[in-house]
Amino acid sequence: MTLQAALTGISGILVTPFDGDDRIAPARLAPIIDRALSAGLHIPVVNGNTGEFYSLTVDEAQAMCAEVCQLVAGRAPVLAGVGRSVGDACRLAGAAATAGASGLMVHQPPDPFAAPRGVVEYMRRVADAGGGLPLMLYLRNDAIGTAAIADLCAIPGVIGVKWATPNPLKLAEAIAACDPRIIWVGGLAEVWAPALYAVGARGFTSGLINIWPDRSLAIHAALEGGDYAGGRALIAGMAAFEEIRAQELNGTNVTGVKAALQAMNRDCGPTRPPAAWPLTDMQQQRLSDFLSRNQLLQN
């Protein structure tokens, strides 16, 4: 499957496993990746936000990219997250190309003084450093404006945008302003996928694939087939999990995934600060009820 085709499917954002000494433990991902790919996952993503990208050192992020590419072993295209300072992003882009990644997911710079035209220059430098790898822009703040988004999408090598703002009307405006070949992916996971699909997005990101890839694939199939009612019903069945992840200012987002993996005997260790760890007793009880209700503890 080509990268372009894969991006219209599910971008599965892999967790970053840690061992008991707080070191990355990528081998723990092997059964998670195998199960997700067997279910039909289109594109594994390393160093995304569910992968705790901002808690990793550059060396750790570089190592995770290399290890995930080896674990996937050509069974699907791998998208590698890069970002932080422009120097760090360029270093990670070059390393991803060497490791065999199929493309780069460029995190939007979180710098509070990022100018829209400065972000465009940032992306140009990352594109140059990536050795020709295609770029997927990860947009979490649409306040840069439609004109700047169009400028970003016009950078050679940019093939798409992961749209991670709950603003379908702005997404529709951006789609209309950019080259029709740009791929627009719903970047707010399953819950927002129907709304973003309705204005032109295709595919979506997912952290659920770490624990329940079959449900993510079923939601994707429903939306691709135009069955929005069926898609919404499937989403309703996993909404409790997403509600746990959204608590504490989204600080339990990865916590919920890793707590579920522990309960399913696929321990990937705790989260790192500033994420919350562990879940509160109430959150853990809700998670246990969700896993039991959906028979996920038997998988």
C-alpha atoms as a PDB file:
ATOM      1  CA  MET A   1       0.000   0.000   0.000  1.00  0.00           C
ATOM      2  CA  THR A   2       1.338   3.455  -0.898  1.00  0.00           C
ATOM      3  CA  LEU A   3       1.753   6.095   1.775  1.00  0.00           C
ATOM      4  CA  GLN A   4      -0.935   8.245   0.146  1.00  0.00           C
ATOM      5  CA  ALA A   5      -3.441   5.395   0.225  1.00  0.00           C
ATOM      6  CA  ALA A   6      -2.495   4.449   3.792  1.00  0.00           C
ATOM      7  CA  LEU A   7      -3.072   7.980   5.043  1.00  0.00           C
ATOM      8  CA  THR A   8      -6.739   7.766   4.069  1.00  0.00           C
ATOM      9  CA  GLY A   9      -7.001   4.822   6.450  1.00  0.00           C
ATOM     10  CA  ILE A  10      -6.140   4.728  10.144  1.00  0.00           C
ATOM     11  CA  SER A  11      -2.971   6.341  11.458  1.00  0.00           C
ATOM     12  CA  GLY A  12      -2.326   4.269  14.570  1.00  0.00           C
ATOM     13  CA  ILE A  13      -0.366   6.296  17.126  1.00  0.00           C
ATOM     14  CA  LEU A  14       1.779   3.807  19.012  1.00  0.00           C
ATOM     15  CA  VAL A  15       2.613   4.173  22.686  1.00  0.00           C
ATOM     16  CA  THR A  16       6.245   4.388  23.768  1.00  0.00           C
ATOM     17  CA  PRO A  17       6.975   1.557  26.213  1.00  0.00           C
ATOM     18  CA  PHE A  18       9.207   2.144  29.240  1.00  0.00           C
ATOM     19  CA  ASP A  19      10.826  -0.433  31.485  1.00  0.00           C
ATOM     20  CA  GLY A  20      11.126  -0.394  35.272  1.00  0.00           C
ATOM     21  CA  ASP A  21      14.142   1.907  35.075  1.00  0.00           C
ATOM     22  CA  ASP A  22      12.361   4.481  32.877  1.00  0.00           C
ATOM     23  CA  ARG A  23      14.241   3.461  29.754  1.00  0.00           C
ATOM     24  CA  ILE A  24      12.510   3.012  26.411  1.00  0.00           C
ATOM     25  CA  ALA A  25      11.594  -0.635  25.813  1.00  0.00           C
ATOM     26  CA  PRO A  26      10.493  -0.798  22.155  1.00  0.00           C
ATOM     27  CA  ALA A  27      10.435  -4.615  22.011  1.00  0.00           C
ATOM     28  CA  ARG A  28       7.270  -4.508  24.138  1.00  0.00           C
ATOM     29  CA  LEU A  29       5.489  -3.057  21.118  1.00  0.00           C
ATOM     30  CA  ALA A  30       5.909  -6.243  19.064  1.00  0.00           C
ATOM     31  CA  PRO A  31       2.581  -7.930  20.014  1.00  0.00           C
ATOM     32  CA  ILE A  32       0.721  -4.613  19.819  1.00  0.00           C
ATOM     33  CA  ILE A  33       2.012  -3.896  16.319  1.00  0.00           C
ATOM     34  CA  ASP A  34       1.403  -7.468  15.176  1.00  0.00           C
ATOM     35  CA  ARG A  35      -2.186  -7.449  16.388  1.00  0.00           C
ATOM     36  CA  ALA A  36      -2.943  -4.042  14.889  1.00  0.00           C
ATOM     37  CA  LEU A  37      -1.476  -4.947  11.508  1.00  0.00           C
ATOM     38  CA  SER A  38      -3.349  -8.266  11.517  1.00  0.00           C
ATOM     39  CA  ALA A  39      -6.569  -6.324  12.123  1.00  0.00           C
ATOM     40  CA  GLY A  40      -5.800  -4.162   9.085  1.00  0.00           C
ATOM     41  CA  LEU A  41      -4.081  -1.068  10.495  1.00  0.00           C
ATOM     42  CA  HIS A  42      -3.040   1.073   7.535  1.00  0.00           C
ATOM     43  CA  ILE A  43      -0.144   3.084   8.951  1.00  0.00           C
ATOM     44  CA  PRO A  44       1.713   2.796  12.273  1.00  0.00           C
ATOM     45  CA  VAL A  45       2.915   6.144  13.642  1.00  0.00           C
ATOM     46  CA  VAL A  46       5.913   6.417  15.967  1.00  0.00           C
ATOM     47  CA  ASN A  47       6.685   9.499  18.085  1.00  0.00           C
ATOM     48  CA  GLY A  48       3.162  10.889  18.045  1.00  0.00           C
ATOM     49  CA  ASN A  49       1.457  12.411  21.057  1.00  0.00           C
ATOM     50  CA  THR A  50       0.172   9.019  22.249  1.00  0.00           C
ATOM     51  CA  GLY A  51       3.845   8.075  22.021  1.00  0.00           C
ATOM     52  CA  GLU A  52       4.663  10.809  24.571  1.00  0.00           C
ATOM     53  CA  PHE A  53       6.838  12.580  22.019  1.00  0.00           C
ATOM     54  CA  TYR A  54       7.486  15.613  24.194  1.00  0.00           C
ATOM     55  CA  SER A  55       8.644  13.465  27.128  1.00  0.00           C
ATOM     56  CA  LEU A  56      11.321  11.755  25.018  1.00  0.00           C
ATOM     57  CA  THR A  57      14.844  12.924  24.463  1.00  0.00           C
ATOM     58  CA  VAL A  58      15.908  13.345  20.848  1.00  0.00           C
ATOM     59  CA  ASP A  59      18.079  10.228  21.175  1.00  0.00           C
ATOM     60  CA  GLU A  60      15.104   8.242  22.475  1.00  0.00           C
ATOM     61  CA  ALA A  61      12.814   9.467  19.692  1.00  0.00           C
ATOM     62  CA  GLN A  62      15.456   8.567  17.124  1.00  0.00           C
ATOM     63  CA  ALA A  63      15.843   5.089  18.614  1.00  0.00           C
ATOM     64  CA  MET A  64      12.076   4.529  18.742  1.00  0.00           C
ATOM     65  CA  CYS A  65      11.778   5.350  15.034  1.00  0.00           C
ATOM     66  CA  ALA A  66      14.509   2.875  14.107  1.00  0.00           C
ATOM     67  CA  GLU A  67      13.062   0.134  16.318  1.00  0.00           C
ATOM     68  CA  VAL A  68       9.478   0.552  15.078  1.00  0.00           C
ATOM     69  CA  CYS A  69      10.604   0.427  11.450  1.00  0.00           C
ATOM     70  CA  GLN A  70      12.316  -2.881  12.242  1.00  0.00           C
ATOM     71  CA  LEU A  71       9.285  -4.258  14.084  1.00  0.00           C
ATOM     72  CA  VAL A  72       6.915  -3.337  11.243  1.00  0.00           C
ATOM     73  CA  ALA A  73       9.392  -4.870   8.785  1.00  0.00           C
ATOM     74  CA  GLY A  74       7.803  -3.537   5.619  1.00  0.00           C
ATOM     75  CA  ARG A  75       4.281  -4.762   6.370  1.00  0.00           C
ATOM     76  CA  ALA A  76       2.934  -1.194   6.237  1.00  0.00           C
ATOM     77  CA  PRO A  77       4.295   2.322   5.696  1.00  0.00           C
ATOM     78  CA  VAL A  78       5.651   3.883   8.900  1.00  0.00           C
ATOM     79  CA  LEU A  79       5.072   7.552   9.668  1.00  0.00           C
ATOM     80  CA  ALA A  80       7.675   9.107  11.967  1.00  0.00           C
ATOM     81  CA  GLY A  81       6.859  12.081  14.190  1.00  0.00           C
ATOM     82  CA  VAL A  82       9.434  14.883  14.253  1.00  0.00           C
ATOM     83  CA  GLY A  83       9.411  18.272  15.948  1.00  0.00           C
ATOM     84  CA  ARG A  84      10.512  20.564  18.815  1.00  0.00           C
ATOM     85  CA  SER A  85      13.338  22.958  17.882  1.00  0.00           C
ATOM     86  CA  VAL A  86      14.061  23.262  14.187  1.00  0.00           C
ATOM     87  CA  GLY A  87      17.449  21.646  14.789  1.00  0.00           C
ATOM     88  CA  ASP A  88      15.905  18.714  16.650  1.00  0.00           C
ATOM     89  CA  ALA A  89      13.236  18.304  13.984  1.00  0.00           C
ATOM     90  CA  CYS A  90      15.804  18.293  11.189  1.00  0.00           C
ATOM     91  CA  ARG A  91      17.963  15.766  13.028  1.00  0.00           C
ATOM     92  CA  LEU A  92      14.982  13.470  13.565  1.00  0.00           C
ATOM     93  CA  ALA A  93      13.892  13.879   9.945  1.00  0.00           C
ATOM     94  CA  GLY A  94      17.276  12.737   8.685  1.00  0.00           C
ATOM     95  CA  ALA A  95      17.335   9.824  11.113  1.00  0.00           C
ATOM     96  CA  ALA A  96      13.821   8.748  10.039  1.00  0.00           C
ATOM     97  CA  ALA A  97      14.930   8.635   6.416  1.00  0.00           C
ATOM     98  CA  THR A  98      17.923   6.478   7.377  1.00  0.00           C
ATOM     99  CA  ALA A  99      15.735   4.154   9.491  1.00  0.00           C
ATOM    100  CA  GLY A 100      13.390   3.440   6.591  1.00  0.00           C
ATOM    101  CA  ALA A 101      10.322   5.489   7.526  1.00  0.00           C
ATOM    102  CA  SER A 102       7.926   6.181   4.651  1.00  0.00           C
ATOM    103  CA  GLY A 103       7.092   9.731   5.674  1.00  0.00           C
ATOM    104  CA  LEU A 104       7.314  12.377   8.380  1.00  0.00           C
ATOM    105  CA  MET A 105       4.549  13.662  10.632  1.00  0.00           C
ATOM    106  CA  VAL A 106       5.726  17.149  11.575  1.00  0.00           C
ATOM    107  CA  HIS A 107       4.400  18.355  14.927  1.00  0.00           C
ATOM    108  CA  GLN A 108       3.233  21.958  14.881  1.00  0.00           C
ATOM    109  CA  PRO A 109       5.807  23.982  16.859  1.00  0.00           C
ATOM    110  CA  PRO A 110       4.420  24.700  20.365  1.00  0.00           C
ATOM    111  CA  ASP A 111       6.577  27.828  20.722  1.00  0.00           C
ATOM    112  CA  PRO A 112       4.348  30.621  22.131  1.00  0.00           C
ATOM    113  CA  PHE A 113       6.026  33.106  19.774  1.00  0.00           C
ATOM    114  CA  ALA A 114       5.656  31.096  16.567  1.00  0.00           C
ATOM    115  CA  ALA A 115       4.760  33.384  13.652  1.00  0.00           C
ATOM    116  CA  PRO A 116       2.743  31.853  10.792  1.00  0.00           C
ATOM    117  CA  ARG A 117       5.494  32.697   8.282  1.00  0.00           C
ATOM    118  CA  GLY A 118       8.070  31.344  10.734  1.00  0.00           C
ATOM    119  CA  VAL A 119       6.205  28.031  10.833  1.00  0.00           C
ATOM    120  CA  VAL A 120       6.355  27.926   7.033  1.00  0.00           C
ATOM    121  CA  GLU A 121      10.145  28.372   7.154  1.00  0.00           C
ATOM    122  CA  TYR A 122      10.358  25.702   9.874  1.00  0.00           C
ATOM    123  CA  MET A 123       8.527  23.216   7.630  1.00  0.00           C
ATOM    124  CA  ARG A 124      10.742  24.065   4.659  1.00  0.00           C
ATOM    125  CA  ARG A 125      13.869  23.261   6.658  1.00  0.00           C
ATOM    126  CA  VAL A 126      12.414  19.983   7.907  1.00  0.00           C
ATOM    127  CA  ALA A 127      11.443  19.054   4.337  1.00  0.00           C
ATOM    128  CA  ASP A 128      15.002  19.704   3.195  1.00  0.00           C
ATOM    129  CA  ALA A 129      16.429  17.596   6.024  1.00  0.00           C
ATOM    130  CA  GLY A 130      14.117  14.655   5.352  1.00  0.00           C
ATOM    131  CA  GLY A 131      15.937  13.448   2.269  1.00  0.00           C
ATOM    132  CA  GLY A 132      12.845  13.583   0.089  1.00  0.00           C
ATOM    133  CA  LEU A 133      10.460  11.881   2.527  1.00  0.00           C
ATOM    134  CA  PRO A 134       6.855  13.097   2.136  1.00  0.00           C
ATOM    135  CA  LEU A 135       5.556  15.362   4.899  1.00  0.00           C
ATOM    136  CA  MET A 136       2.288  15.151   6.808  1.00  0.00           C
ATOM    137  CA  LEU A 137       1.656  18.339   8.791  1.00  0.00           C
ATOM    138  CA  TYR A 138       0.170  17.851  12.245  1.00  0.00           C
ATOM    139  CA  LEU A 139      -1.995  20.921  12.798  1.00  0.00           C
ATOM    140  CA  ARG A 140      -3.299  21.350  16.354  1.00  0.00           C
ATOM    141  CA  ASN A 141      -3.977  25.088  16.198  1.00  0.00           C
ATOM    142  CA  ASP A 142      -5.768  26.604  13.191  1.00  0.00           C
ATOM    143  CA  ALA A 143      -5.254  30.159  14.497  1.00  0.00           C
ATOM    144  CA  ILE A 144      -2.367  30.545  12.042  1.00  0.00           C
ATOM    145  CA  GLY A 145      -5.069  31.175   9.438  1.00  0.00           C
ATOM    146  CA  THR A 146      -6.115  29.660   6.158  1.00  0.00           C
ATOM    147  CA  ALA A 147      -3.560  31.625   4.125  1.00  0.00           C
ATOM    148  CA  ALA A 148      -0.675  30.245   6.203  1.00  0.00           C
ATOM    149  CA  ILE A 149      -2.109  26.734   5.976  1.00  0.00           C
ATOM    150  CA  ALA A 150      -2.221  27.097   2.194  1.00  0.00           C
ATOM    151  CA  ASP A 151       1.415  28.255   2.216  1.00  0.00           C
ATOM    152  CA  LEU A 152       2.385  25.220   4.280  1.00  0.00           C
ATOM    153  CA  CYS A 153       0.589  22.866   1.919  1.00  0.00           C
ATOM    154  CA  ALA A 154       2.391  24.438  -1.034  1.00  0.00           C
ATOM    155  CA  ILE A 155       5.839  23.425   0.305  1.00  0.00           C
ATOM    156  CA  PRO A 156       7.327  20.756  -1.978  1.00  0.00           C
ATOM    157  CA  GLY A 157       7.003  17.356  -0.344  1.00  0.00           C
ATOM    158  CA  VAL A 158       3.909  18.142   1.729  1.00  0.00           C
ATOM    159  CA  ILE A 159       1.225  15.597   0.886  1.00  0.00           C
ATOM    160  CA  GLY A 160      -1.257  16.088   3.687  1.00  0.00           C
ATOM    161  CA  VAL A 161      -2.466  17.520   6.964  1.00  0.00           C
ATOM    162  CA  LYS A 162      -3.574  15.809  10.146  1.00  0.00           C
ATOM    163  CA  TRP A 163      -6.305  18.209  11.235  1.00  0.00           C
ATOM    164  CA  ALA A 164      -6.457  18.122  15.046  1.00  0.00           C
ATOM    165  CA  THR A 165      -8.741  21.047  15.854  1.00  0.00           C
ATOM    166  CA  PRO A 166     -12.478  20.642  16.578  1.00  0.00           C
ATOM    167  CA  ASN A 167     -13.416  23.093  13.855  1.00  0.00           C
ATOM    168  CA  PRO A 168     -14.960  21.416  10.789  1.00  0.00           C
ATOM    169  CA  LEU A 169     -15.842  24.745   9.153  1.00  0.00           C
ATOM    170  CA  LYS A 170     -12.212  25.883   9.254  1.00  0.00           C
ATOM    171  CA  LEU A 171     -11.226  22.503   7.822  1.00  0.00           C
ATOM    172  CA  ALA A 172     -13.643  22.937   4.936  1.00  0.00           C
ATOM    173  CA  GLU A 173     -12.208  26.406   4.297  1.00  0.00           C
ATOM    174  CA  ALA A 174      -8.647  25.056   4.301  1.00  0.00           C
ATOM    175  CA  ILE A 175      -9.520  22.206   1.934  1.00  0.00           C
ATOM    176  CA  ALA A 176     -11.021  24.687  -0.527  1.00  0.00           C
ATOM    177  CA  ALA A 177      -7.915  26.900  -0.361  1.00  0.00           C
ATOM    178  CA  CYS A 178      -5.335  24.173  -1.022  1.00  0.00           C
ATOM    179  CA  ASP A 179      -4.229  21.852  -3.811  1.00  0.00           C
ATOM    180  CA  PRO A 180      -6.887  19.139  -4.241  1.00  0.00           C
ATOM    181  CA  ARG A 181      -4.163  16.485  -4.030  1.00  0.00           C
ATOM    182  CA  ILE A 182      -3.547  17.268  -0.333  1.00  0.00           C
ATOM    183  CA  ILE A 183      -4.823  14.510   1.958  1.00  0.00           C
ATOM    184  CA  TRP A 184      -6.780  15.768   4.975  1.00  0.00           C
ATOM    185  CA  VAL A 185      -6.820  13.325   7.870  1.00  0.00           C
ATOM    186  CA  GLY A 186      -8.997  13.630  10.958  1.00  0.00           C
ATOM    187  CA  GLY A 187      -6.469  14.192  13.731  1.00  0.00           C
ATOM    188  CA  LEU A 188      -8.832  13.945  16.702  1.00  0.00           C
ATOM    189  CA  ALA A 189      -9.323  10.171  16.661  1.00  0.00           C
ATOM    190  CA  GLU A 190     -12.564   8.238  16.328  1.00  0.00           C
ATOM    191  CA  VAL A 191     -14.902  10.550  18.253  1.00  0.00           C
ATOM    192  CA  TRP A 192     -14.445  13.454  15.837  1.00  0.00           C
ATOM    193  CA  ALA A 193     -14.069  11.364  12.680  1.00  0.00           C
ATOM    194  CA  PRO A 194     -17.699  11.603  11.460  1.00  0.00           C
ATOM    195  CA  ALA A 195     -17.800  15.409  11.739  1.00  0.00           C
ATOM    196  CA  LEU A 196     -14.476  15.825   9.938  1.00  0.00           C
ATOM    197  CA  TYR A 197     -15.397  13.222   7.314  1.00  0.00           C
ATOM    198  CA  ALA A 198     -18.544  15.205   6.571  1.00  0.00           C
ATOM    199  CA  VAL A 199     -16.513  18.175   5.304  1.00  0.00           C
ATOM    200  CA  GLY A 200     -13.891  16.251   3.373  1.00  0.00           C
ATOM    201  CA  ALA A 201     -11.404  14.533   5.705  1.00  0.00           C
ATOM    202  CA  ARG A 202     -10.467  10.930   5.008  1.00  0.00           C
ATOM    203  CA  GLY A 203      -9.028   8.568   7.545  1.00  0.00           C
ATOM    204  CA  PHE A 204      -8.302   9.394  11.173  1.00  0.00           C
ATOM    205  CA  THR A 205      -5.728   9.037  13.918  1.00  0.00           C
ATOM    206  CA  SER A 206      -6.226   6.502  16.678  1.00  0.00           C
ATOM    207  CA  GLY A 207      -4.727   5.621  20.041  1.00  0.00           C
ATOM    208  CA  LEU A 208      -7.426   2.967  20.454  1.00  0.00           C
ATOM    209  CA  ILE A 209      -5.520   0.716  18.028  1.00  0.00           C
ATOM    210  CA  ASN A 210      -3.075  -0.068  20.843  1.00  0.00           C
ATOM    211  CA  ILE A 211      -5.828  -1.953  22.685  1.00  0.00           C
ATOM    212  CA  TRP A 212      -8.792  -2.467  20.316  1.00  0.00           C
ATOM    213  CA  PRO A 213      -7.747  -2.205  16.659  1.00  0.00           C
ATOM    214  CA  ASP A 214     -10.755  -4.157  15.404  1.00  0.00           C
ATOM    215  CA  ARG A 215     -13.136  -1.460  16.651  1.00  0.00           C
ATOM    216  CA  SER A 216     -11.105   1.301  14.970  1.00  0.00           C
ATOM    217  CA  LEU A 217     -11.118  -0.597  11.679  1.00  0.00           C
ATOM    218  CA  ALA A 218     -14.872  -1.167  11.920  1.00  0.00           C
ATOM    219  CA  ILE A 219     -15.461   2.565  12.441  1.00  0.00           C
ATOM    220  CA  HIS A 220     -13.268   3.377   9.447  1.00  0.00           C
ATOM    221  CA  ALA A 221     -15.134   0.881   7.262  1.00  0.00           C
ATOM    222  CA  ALA A 222     -18.482   2.378   8.270  1.00  0.00           C
ATOM    223  CA  LEU A 223     -17.416   5.935   7.482  1.00  0.00           C
ATOM    224  CA  GLU A 224     -15.806   4.946   4.185  1.00  0.00           C
ATOM    225  CA  GLY A 225     -19.070   3.265   3.239  1.00  0.00           C
ATOM    226  CA  GLY A 226     -21.093   6.362   4.118  1.00  0.00           C
ATOM    227  CA  ASP A 227     -22.740   4.626   7.070  1.00  0.00           C
ATOM    228  CA  TYR A 228     -22.533   7.529   9.502  1.00  0.00           C
ATOM    229  CA  ALA A 229     -25.202   6.096  11.810  1.00  0.00           C
ATOM    230  CA  GLY A 230     -23.301   2.826  12.047  1.00  0.00           C
ATOM    231  CA  GLY A 231     -20.050   4.673  12.640  1.00  0.00           C
ATOM    232  CA  ARG A 232     -21.577   6.755  15.409  1.00  0.00           C
ATOM    233  CA  ALA A 233     -22.990   3.634  17.070  1.00  0.00           C
ATOM    234  CA  LEU A 234     -19.561   1.999  17.061  1.00  0.00           C
ATOM    235  CA  ILE A 235     -18.011   5.180  18.458  1.00  0.00           C
ATOM    236  CA  ALA A 236     -20.620   5.290  21.221  1.00  0.00           C
ATOM    237  CA  GLY A 237     -19.425   1.859  22.298  1.00  0.00           C
ATOM    238  CA  MET A 238     -15.909   3.121  22.967  1.00  0.00           C
ATOM    239  CA  ALA A 239     -16.810   6.604  24.197  1.00  0.00           C
ATOM    240  CA  ALA A 240     -16.243   5.698  27.863  1.00  0.00           C
ATOM    241  CA  PHE A 241     -12.590   5.001  27.092  1.00  0.00           C
ATOM    242  CA  GLU A 242     -12.163   8.349  25.362  1.00  0.00           C
ATOM    243  CA  GLU A 243     -13.892  10.123  28.247  1.00  0.00           C
ATOM    244  CA  ILE A 244     -11.318   8.725  30.672  1.00  0.00           C
ATOM    245  CA  ARG A 245      -8.507   9.867  28.372  1.00  0.00           C
ATOM    246  CA  ALA A 246      -9.925  13.398  28.147  1.00  0.00           C
ATOM    247  CA  GLN A 247      -9.855  14.054  31.889  1.00  0.00           C
ATOM    248  CA  GLU A 248      -7.360  16.252  33.748  1.00  0.00           C
ATOM    249  CA  LEU A 249      -6.882  18.566  30.757  1.00  0.00           C
ATOM    250  CA  ASN A 250      -6.182  15.490  28.575  1.00  0.00           C
ATOM    251  CA  GLY A 251      -3.440  14.560  31.037  1.00  0.00           C
ATOM    252  CA  THR A 252      -4.837  11.023  31.250  1.00  0.00           C
ATOM    253  CA  ASN A 253      -4.861  10.576  27.470  1.00  0.00           C
ATOM    254  CA  VAL A 254      -1.886   8.226  27.330  1.00  0.00           C
ATOM    255  CA  THR A 255      -2.440   7.093  30.909  1.00  0.00           C
ATOM    256  CA  GLY A 256      -5.717   5.459  29.918  1.00  0.00           C
ATOM    257  CA  VAL A 257      -4.074   3.575  27.066  1.00  0.00           C
ATOM    258  CA  LYS A 258      -1.145   2.339  29.140  1.00  0.00           C
ATOM    259  CA  ALA A 259      -3.386   1.368  32.063  1.00  0.00           C
ATOM    260  CA  ALA A 260      -5.516  -0.660  29.647  1.00  0.00           C
ATOM    261  CA  LEU A 261      -2.428  -2.350  28.214  1.00  0.00           C
ATOM    262  CA  GLN A 262      -1.315  -3.313  31.737  1.00  0.00           C
ATOM    263  CA  ALA A 263      -4.725  -4.842  32.430  1.00  0.00           C
ATOM    264  CA  MET A 264      -4.508  -6.768  29.152  1.00  0.00           C
ATOM    265  CA  ASN A 265      -1.067  -8.216  30.028  1.00  0.00           C
ATOM    266  CA  ARG A 266       0.680  -6.081  27.422  1.00  0.00           C
ATOM    267  CA  ASP A 267       2.479  -3.877  29.921  1.00  0.00           C
ATOM    268  CA  CYS A 268       4.240  -0.889  28.350  1.00  0.00           C
ATOM    269  CA  GLY A 269       5.137   0.721  31.640  1.00  0.00           C
ATOM    270  CA  PRO A 270       3.863   3.981  33.116  1.00  0.00           C
ATOM    271  CA  THR A 271       3.601   7.389  31.536  1.00  0.00           C
ATOM    272  CA  ARG A 272       6.227  10.020  32.208  1.00  0.00           C
ATOM    273  CA  PRO A 273       5.482  13.359  33.838  1.00  0.00           C
ATOM    274  CA  PRO A 274       3.815  15.692  33.081  1.00  0.00           C
ATOM    275  CA  ALA A 275       1.198  13.070  32.130  1.00  0.00           C
ATOM    276  CA  ALA A 276      -0.814  11.684  35.043  1.00  0.00           C
ATOM    277  CA  TRP A 277       0.122   8.322  36.521  1.00  0.00           C
ATOM    278  CA  PRO A 278      -1.537   6.186  37.686  1.00  0.00           C
ATOM    279  CA  LEU A 279      -5.257   6.561  37.073  1.00  0.00           C
ATOM    280  CA  THR A 280      -7.337   7.505  40.096  1.00  0.00           C
ATOM    281  CA  ASP A 281      -9.380   4.736  41.704  1.00  0.00           C
ATOM    282  CA  MET A 282     -12.529   6.021  40.033  1.00  0.00           C
ATOM    283  CA  GLN A 283     -10.867   6.284  36.632  1.00  0.00           C
ATOM    284  CA  GLN A 284      -9.409   2.798  37.001  1.00  0.00           C
ATOM    285  CA  GLN A 285     -12.804   1.357  37.909  1.00  0.00           C
ATOM    286  CA  ARG A 286     -14.400   2.940  34.854  1.00  0.00           C
ATOM    287  CA  LEU A 287     -11.595   1.581  32.699  1.00  0.00           C
ATOM    288  CA  SER A 288     -11.978  -1.918  34.156  1.00  0.00           C
ATOM    289  CA  ASP A 289     -15.724  -1.812  33.488  1.00  0.00           C
ATOM    290  CA  PHE A 290     -15.077  -0.743  29.888  1.00  0.00           C
ATOM    291  CA  LEU A 291     -12.531  -3.493  29.277  1.00  0.00           C
ATOM    292  CA  SER A 292     -14.731  -6.163  30.857  1.00  0.00           C
ATOM    293  CA  ARG A 293     -17.875  -5.038  29.060  1.00  0.00           C
ATOM    294  CA  ASN A 294     -16.135  -5.292  25.710  1.00  0.00           C
ATOM    295  CA  GLN A 295     -14.328  -8.554  26.551  1.00  0.00           C
ATOM    296  CA  LEU A 296     -10.951  -6.952  25.946  1.00  0.00           C
ATOM    297  CA  LEU A 297      -9.362  -8.670  28.935  1.00  0.00           C
ATOM    298  CA  GLN A 298      -9.724 -11.972  27.092  1.00  0.00           C
ATOM    299  CA  ASN A 299      -7.670 -10.880  24.061  1.00  0.00           C
END
